[in-house]
N, C-alpha and C. Protein backbone atom coordinates (compact mmCIF):
# COMPACT_ATOMS: atom_id res chain seq x y z
N ARG A 1 -185.77 69.99 123.88
CA ARG A 1 -185.75 69.16 122.78
C ARG A 1 -187.06 69.87 121.84
N PHE A 2 -186.72 69.80 120.71
CA PHE A 2 -187.79 70.39 119.93
C PHE A 2 -189.04 69.57 119.70
N LEU A 3 -190.06 69.97 119.48
CA LEU A 3 -191.47 69.33 119.62
C LEU A 3 -192.38 69.63 118.47
N PRO A 4 -192.29 69.19 117.54
CA PRO A 4 -193.10 69.30 116.45
C PRO A 4 -194.62 69.41 116.42
N VAL A 5 -195.17 70.52 115.68
CA VAL A 5 -196.79 70.45 115.84
C VAL A 5 -197.04 70.86 114.23
N LYS A 6 -197.58 69.53 114.02
CA LYS A 6 -198.02 69.38 112.51
C LYS A 6 -199.73 69.27 112.54
N ALA A 7 -200.44 69.04 113.87
CA ALA A 7 -201.78 69.14 114.05
C ALA A 7 -202.36 69.65 115.34
N THR A 8 -203.53 70.12 115.09
CA THR A 8 -204.03 70.72 116.51
C THR A 8 -204.08 69.62 117.72
N SER A 9 -204.05 68.55 117.11
CA SER A 9 -203.78 67.38 118.26
C SER A 9 -202.46 67.53 119.06
N ASP A 10 -201.47 67.91 118.13
CA ASP A 10 -199.93 68.15 118.88
C ASP A 10 -199.98 69.31 119.62
N LEU A 11 -200.77 70.60 119.28
CA LEU A 11 -200.99 71.65 119.58
C LEU A 11 -201.40 71.62 121.03
N GLN A 12 -202.59 70.52 121.20
CA GLN A 12 -203.39 70.49 122.62
C GLN A 12 -202.01 69.37 123.30
N LEU A 13 -201.36 68.80 122.62
CA LEU A 13 -200.29 68.08 123.68
C LEU A 13 -199.26 69.52 123.98
N VAL A 14 -199.08 70.34 123.21
CA VAL A 14 -197.50 71.19 123.90
C VAL A 14 -198.27 72.24 124.70
N GLN A 15 -199.81 72.61 124.38
CA GLN A 15 -200.07 73.58 125.22
C GLN A 15 -200.67 73.39 126.76
N SER A 16 -200.94 71.93 126.92
CA SER A 16 -200.94 71.11 128.15
C SER A 16 -200.33 71.27 129.45
N ASP A 17 -200.60 70.38 130.47
CA ASP A 17 -199.83 69.91 131.50
C ASP A 17 -199.05 69.32 131.30
N LEU A 18 -199.32 68.51 129.85
CA LEU A 18 -198.08 67.37 129.63
C LEU A 18 -196.42 67.69 129.83
N TYR A 19 -196.55 69.26 129.18
CA TYR A 19 -195.24 69.78 128.97
C TYR A 19 -195.11 71.06 130.31
N THR A 20 -194.09 71.15 130.42
CA THR A 20 -193.63 72.54 131.17
C THR A 20 -192.47 73.51 130.59
N LEU A 21 -192.26 74.57 130.51
CA LEU A 21 -191.68 75.82 130.36
C LEU A 21 -190.27 75.57 131.35
N VAL A 22 -189.07 75.00 131.34
CA VAL A 22 -188.24 75.26 132.64
C VAL A 22 -187.14 75.97 131.88
N ASP A 23 -186.90 77.42 132.50
CA ASP A 23 -185.20 77.94 131.91
C ASP A 23 -185.40 77.70 130.39
N GLY A 24 -186.99 78.55 129.70
CA GLY A 24 -186.45 78.32 128.12
C GLY A 24 -186.76 77.35 127.37
N PHE A 25 -186.72 76.21 127.89
CA PHE A 25 -186.78 74.72 127.58
C PHE A 25 -187.79 73.73 127.42
N VAL A 26 -188.94 73.05 126.91
CA VAL A 26 -190.04 72.56 127.00
C VAL A 26 -189.61 71.15 127.45
N THR A 27 -190.12 71.17 128.55
CA THR A 27 -189.71 69.33 129.51
C THR A 27 -190.73 68.81 129.77
N ARG A 28 -190.67 67.51 129.56
CA ARG A 28 -191.82 66.88 129.97
C ARG A 28 -192.11 66.89 131.42
N ASN A 29 -193.31 66.70 131.84
CA ASN A 29 -194.01 67.23 133.22
C ASN A 29 -193.60 65.63 133.97
N SER A 30 -193.22 65.63 134.96
CA SER A 30 -192.29 64.37 135.62
C SER A 30 -193.27 63.82 136.32
N ALA A 31 -194.37 64.40 136.55
CA ALA A 31 -195.82 63.71 137.29
C ALA A 31 -195.96 62.53 136.42
N ARG A 32 -195.88 62.64 134.92
CA ARG A 32 -196.52 61.64 134.13
C ARG A 32 -195.98 60.06 134.06
N THR A 33 -196.34 59.17 134.54
CA THR A 33 -195.70 58.04 134.80
C THR A 33 -195.70 57.21 133.55
N ASN A 34 -196.65 57.36 132.49
CA ASN A 34 -196.44 56.62 131.09
C ASN A 34 -195.57 57.55 130.34
N PRO A 35 -194.64 56.80 129.73
CA PRO A 35 -193.50 57.22 128.94
C PRO A 35 -194.07 57.80 127.56
N SER A 36 -195.11 57.15 127.24
CA SER A 36 -196.09 57.49 125.53
C SER A 36 -196.57 58.86 125.89
N ASN A 37 -196.83 59.61 124.96
CA ASN A 37 -197.72 60.58 124.76
C ASN A 37 -199.25 60.15 124.66
N PRO A 38 -200.21 60.76 125.34
CA PRO A 38 -201.20 60.29 124.83
C PRO A 38 -201.86 60.68 123.36
N SER A 39 -202.75 59.21 123.19
CA SER A 39 -202.74 59.15 121.65
C SER A 39 -204.11 59.96 121.89
N ILE A 40 -204.13 61.51 120.82
CA ILE A 40 -205.20 62.35 120.32
C ILE A 40 -205.82 62.28 119.37
N GLU A 41 -207.25 62.10 118.97
CA GLU A 41 -207.42 61.99 117.76
C GLU A 41 -208.87 63.30 117.88
N LEU A 42 -208.60 64.03 117.21
CA LEU A 42 -209.52 65.47 116.93
C LEU A 42 -210.44 65.37 115.43
N GLY A 43 -211.49 65.84 115.32
CA GLY A 43 -212.86 65.71 114.52
C GLY A 43 -211.82 67.05 113.54
N PRO A 44 -212.96 67.07 112.18
CA PRO A 44 -212.55 68.35 111.62
C PRO A 44 -213.08 69.42 112.23
N GLU A 45 -214.26 68.83 113.10
CA GLU A 45 -214.37 70.91 113.88
C GLU A 45 -213.02 71.45 114.61
N PHE A 46 -211.94 70.32 114.97
CA PHE A 46 -210.85 70.71 115.61
C PHE A 46 -209.50 71.36 114.54
N LYS A 47 -209.81 70.98 113.39
CA LYS A 47 -208.67 71.03 112.39
C LYS A 47 -207.93 72.62 112.30
N LYS A 48 -208.75 73.51 112.09
CA LYS A 48 -208.10 74.92 111.92
C LYS A 48 -208.10 75.08 113.55
N VAL A 49 -206.43 76.05 113.58
CA VAL A 49 -206.11 76.54 114.78
C VAL A 49 -207.43 77.53 115.75
N GLY A 50 -208.05 78.24 114.89
CA GLY A 50 -209.18 79.00 115.43
C GLY A 50 -210.36 78.38 115.95
N SER A 51 -210.54 77.08 115.08
CA SER A 51 -211.66 76.40 115.49
C SER A 51 -211.18 75.56 116.75
N PHE A 52 -210.16 75.22 116.72
CA PHE A 52 -209.50 74.26 117.90
C PHE A 52 -209.56 75.40 119.08
N LEU A 53 -209.14 76.61 119.04
CA LEU A 53 -208.67 77.37 120.49
C LEU A 53 -210.30 77.55 120.95
N GLY A 54 -211.34 78.05 120.00
CA GLY A 54 -212.36 78.34 120.25
C GLY A 54 -213.31 77.70 120.87
N ARG A 55 -212.88 76.24 120.94
CA ARG A 55 -213.14 75.13 121.22
C ARG A 55 -213.17 74.62 122.94
N PHE A 56 -212.10 75.37 123.57
CA PHE A 56 -211.69 74.95 124.98
C PHE A 56 -211.67 76.52 125.74
N LYS A 57 -212.37 76.68 126.67
CA LYS A 57 -212.19 77.72 127.48
C LYS A 57 -210.61 77.78 128.30
N SER A 58 -210.15 76.41 128.49
CA SER A 58 -208.84 76.56 128.83
C SER A 58 -208.15 74.62 128.11
N ILE A 59 -207.25 74.63 128.15
CA ILE A 59 -207.04 73.47 127.68
C ILE A 59 -206.90 73.04 128.74
N PRO A 60 -207.28 71.40 128.86
CA PRO A 60 -207.61 70.46 129.48
C PRO A 60 -206.38 70.31 130.18
N SER A 61 -206.38 69.54 131.66
CA SER A 61 -205.12 68.44 132.01
C SER A 61 -205.29 67.26 131.47
N ILE A 62 -204.40 66.66 130.80
CA ILE A 62 -203.90 65.43 130.15
C ILE A 62 -202.57 64.87 130.97
N PHE A 63 -202.33 64.92 131.38
CA PHE A 63 -201.07 64.33 132.19
C PHE A 63 -201.27 63.11 132.58
N GLU A 64 -202.64 62.72 132.84
CA GLU A 64 -202.76 61.60 133.24
C GLU A 64 -203.74 60.59 132.20
N LEU A 65 -203.90 61.13 131.36
CA LEU A 65 -204.44 60.67 130.12
C LEU A 65 -203.62 59.52 129.10
N ASP A 66 -204.41 58.66 128.33
CA ASP A 66 -204.04 57.89 127.66
C ASP A 66 -204.53 58.10 125.98
N SER A 67 -205.66 58.27 126.22
CA SER A 67 -206.28 58.13 124.66
C SER A 67 -207.61 58.77 124.77
N LEU A 68 -207.80 59.57 123.74
CA LEU A 68 -208.74 60.43 123.54
C LEU A 68 -209.26 60.60 121.99
N LYS A 69 -210.44 60.45 121.71
CA LYS A 69 -211.55 60.62 120.51
C LYS A 69 -212.29 61.70 120.50
N VAL A 70 -212.39 62.90 119.67
CA VAL A 70 -213.51 63.79 120.13
C VAL A 70 -213.63 63.68 118.67
N SER A 71 -215.10 64.07 118.23
CA SER A 71 -215.45 64.37 116.89
C SER A 71 -217.14 65.39 117.08
N GLY A 72 -217.21 65.91 116.33
CA GLY A 72 -218.49 66.30 116.51
C GLY A 72 -218.66 68.01 116.82
N ASP A 73 -219.65 68.24 117.52
CA ASP A 73 -219.97 70.11 117.98
C ASP A 73 -219.59 69.86 119.47
N VAL A 74 -218.64 69.59 120.08
CA VAL A 74 -217.73 69.69 121.34
C VAL A 74 -217.18 70.69 121.97
N TRP A 75 -217.37 70.87 122.94
CA TRP A 75 -217.00 72.25 123.45
C TRP A 75 -216.61 71.66 125.02
N PHE A 76 -215.07 72.35 125.18
CA PHE A 76 -214.70 72.05 126.50
C PHE A 76 -214.69 73.12 127.83
N GLY A 77 -215.24 72.97 128.71
CA GLY A 77 -215.40 74.31 130.02
C GLY A 77 -213.87 74.58 130.40
N SER A 78 -213.73 75.41 131.22
CA SER A 78 -212.35 75.40 132.01
C SER A 78 -212.43 74.60 133.14
N GLY A 79 -210.94 74.36 133.72
CA GLY A 79 -211.06 73.44 134.77
C GLY A 79 -210.92 71.83 134.29
N ILE A 80 -210.99 71.37 133.12
CA ILE A 80 -211.69 70.04 132.77
C ILE A 80 -210.25 69.22 132.90
N VAL A 81 -210.33 68.16 133.68
CA VAL A 81 -209.05 67.10 133.55
C VAL A 81 -209.91 65.75 133.14
N LEU A 82 -208.80 65.48 132.00
CA LEU A 82 -208.81 64.14 131.32
C LEU A 82 -208.17 63.05 131.81
N LYS A 83 -208.41 62.02 132.29
CA LYS A 83 -207.92 60.59 132.78
C LYS A 83 -208.23 59.62 131.97
N VAL A 84 -207.43 58.80 131.83
CA VAL A 84 -206.94 57.22 131.36
C VAL A 84 -207.66 57.36 129.86
N HIS A 85 -208.33 56.14 129.92
CA HIS A 85 -208.61 56.11 128.17
C HIS A 85 -210.15 56.46 128.64
N LEU A 86 -210.50 57.43 127.52
CA LEU A 86 -211.87 57.97 126.99
C LEU A 86 -212.70 57.23 126.20
N PRO A 87 -214.09 56.99 126.22
CA PRO A 87 -214.48 56.52 124.62
C PRO A 87 -214.44 57.87 124.05
N LYS A 88 -215.07 57.95 122.93
CA LYS A 88 -215.04 58.74 121.60
C LYS A 88 -216.66 59.75 122.28
N LEU A 89 -215.88 60.77 122.13
CA LEU A 89 -216.77 62.35 122.65
C LEU A 89 -217.30 62.77 121.21
N GLN A 90 -218.38 62.75 121.08
CA GLN A 90 -219.19 63.19 120.01
C GLN A 90 -220.23 64.25 120.40
N ASN A 91 -220.92 64.77 119.45
CA ASN A 91 -222.14 65.51 119.30
C ASN A 91 -223.33 64.76 119.84
N SER A 92 -223.73 64.61 120.78
CA SER A 92 -224.79 63.69 121.31
C SER A 92 -225.73 63.79 122.78
N TYR A 93 -226.74 63.95 122.73
CA TYR A 93 -227.52 64.57 124.12
C TYR A 93 -227.55 63.94 124.91
N ASN A 94 -226.48 62.67 124.92
CA ASN A 94 -226.77 61.88 126.41
C ASN A 94 -225.77 61.74 126.90
N ILE A 95 -224.84 62.53 126.76
CA ILE A 95 -223.45 62.60 127.66
C ILE A 95 -223.90 63.69 128.76
N PRO A 96 -223.60 62.77 129.78
CA PRO A 96 -223.95 63.53 131.40
C PRO A 96 -222.98 64.21 131.57
N LYS A 97 -223.56 65.69 132.24
CA LYS A 97 -222.78 66.83 132.41
C LYS A 97 -222.56 66.74 133.89
N LEU A 98 -221.70 66.50 134.85
CA LEU A 98 -221.26 66.74 136.28
C LEU A 98 -220.42 67.83 136.52
N GLN A 99 -220.54 68.09 137.67
CA GLN A 99 -220.20 69.40 137.91
C GLN A 99 -218.56 69.30 138.57
N ASN A 100 -217.97 68.14 138.89
CA ASN A 100 -216.71 68.08 139.63
C ASN A 100 -215.28 68.39 138.36
N ASN A 101 -215.82 68.98 137.52
CA ASN A 101 -214.49 68.98 136.23
C ASN A 101 -213.71 68.05 135.69
N PHE A 102 -214.14 66.89 136.24
CA PHE A 102 -213.09 65.79 135.62
C PHE A 102 -214.04 65.09 134.29
N LEU A 103 -213.20 64.79 133.72
CA LEU A 103 -213.68 63.54 132.22
C LEU A 103 -213.14 62.21 132.54
N SER A 104 -213.40 61.53 132.88
CA SER A 104 -212.64 60.24 133.10
C SER A 104 -213.51 59.09 132.51
N SER A 105 -212.87 57.65 132.41
CA SER A 105 -213.51 56.97 131.52
C SER A 105 -215.15 56.56 131.73
N ASP A 106 -215.69 57.10 132.91
CA ASP A 106 -217.06 56.75 133.38
C ASP A 106 -217.74 58.26 133.73
N LYS A 107 -216.90 58.98 133.73
CA LYS A 107 -217.82 60.57 133.69
C LYS A 107 -217.32 61.61 133.00
N PHE A 108 -218.17 62.19 132.35
CA PHE A 108 -217.92 63.55 131.11
C PHE A 108 -218.60 64.72 131.91
N HIS A 109 -217.32 65.57 131.72
CA HIS A 109 -217.79 67.00 131.92
C HIS A 109 -217.42 67.85 130.56
N VAL A 110 -218.25 68.08 129.61
CA VAL A 110 -218.01 69.03 128.33
C VAL A 110 -219.18 69.64 128.00
N PHE A 111 -219.17 70.61 127.19
CA PHE A 111 -220.27 71.65 126.87
C PHE A 111 -220.51 71.26 125.49
N ILE A 112 -222.01 70.79 125.38
CA ILE A 112 -222.43 70.53 123.91
C ILE A 112 -222.90 71.46 123.66
N ARG A 113 -222.41 72.06 122.16
CA ARG A 113 -223.31 73.41 121.77
C ARG A 113 -224.61 72.41 120.96
N ARG A 114 -225.73 72.95 121.24
CA ARG A 114 -227.21 72.17 120.90
C ARG A 114 -227.04 72.82 119.49
N PRO A 115 -227.61 72.11 118.14
CA PRO A 115 -227.98 72.66 117.19
C PRO A 115 -228.97 73.41 116.88
N HIS A 116 -229.13 74.35 116.25
CA HIS A 116 -230.32 75.69 116.09
C HIS A 116 -231.38 74.93 115.11
N VAL A 117 -232.43 74.64 115.70
CA VAL A 117 -233.45 74.36 114.89
C VAL A 117 -234.58 75.33 114.56
N SER A 118 -234.86 75.80 113.46
CA SER A 118 -235.93 76.49 113.13
C SER A 118 -236.69 76.00 112.30
N CYS A 119 -237.93 76.12 112.46
CA CYS A 119 -239.40 75.57 111.76
C CYS A 119 -239.64 76.48 111.03
């Protein structure tokens, strides 16, 4: 099946564990129970492919994700698992950091680059 990639949010879907490569064909991960693709909205910081790729140490697991909105200076570490419906992630100092590498509706594990302030 042909999977169009028109935006970096599409690229995230194709590069994730939502799809697998079997005998040279891209197929849907059978572990996903929801027949729809996750809704992913990425802010302008993720628009260019180079910027998008630079913000992920590795593409997060999303086969259990329903929706995600990300904006601002957000960076993802490796081994991240995104689950269910997530609130909007943005450059914010109050996003708690957890050590279990899961990002779910009530738990966050993202890396935020702090703005440089010079006086």
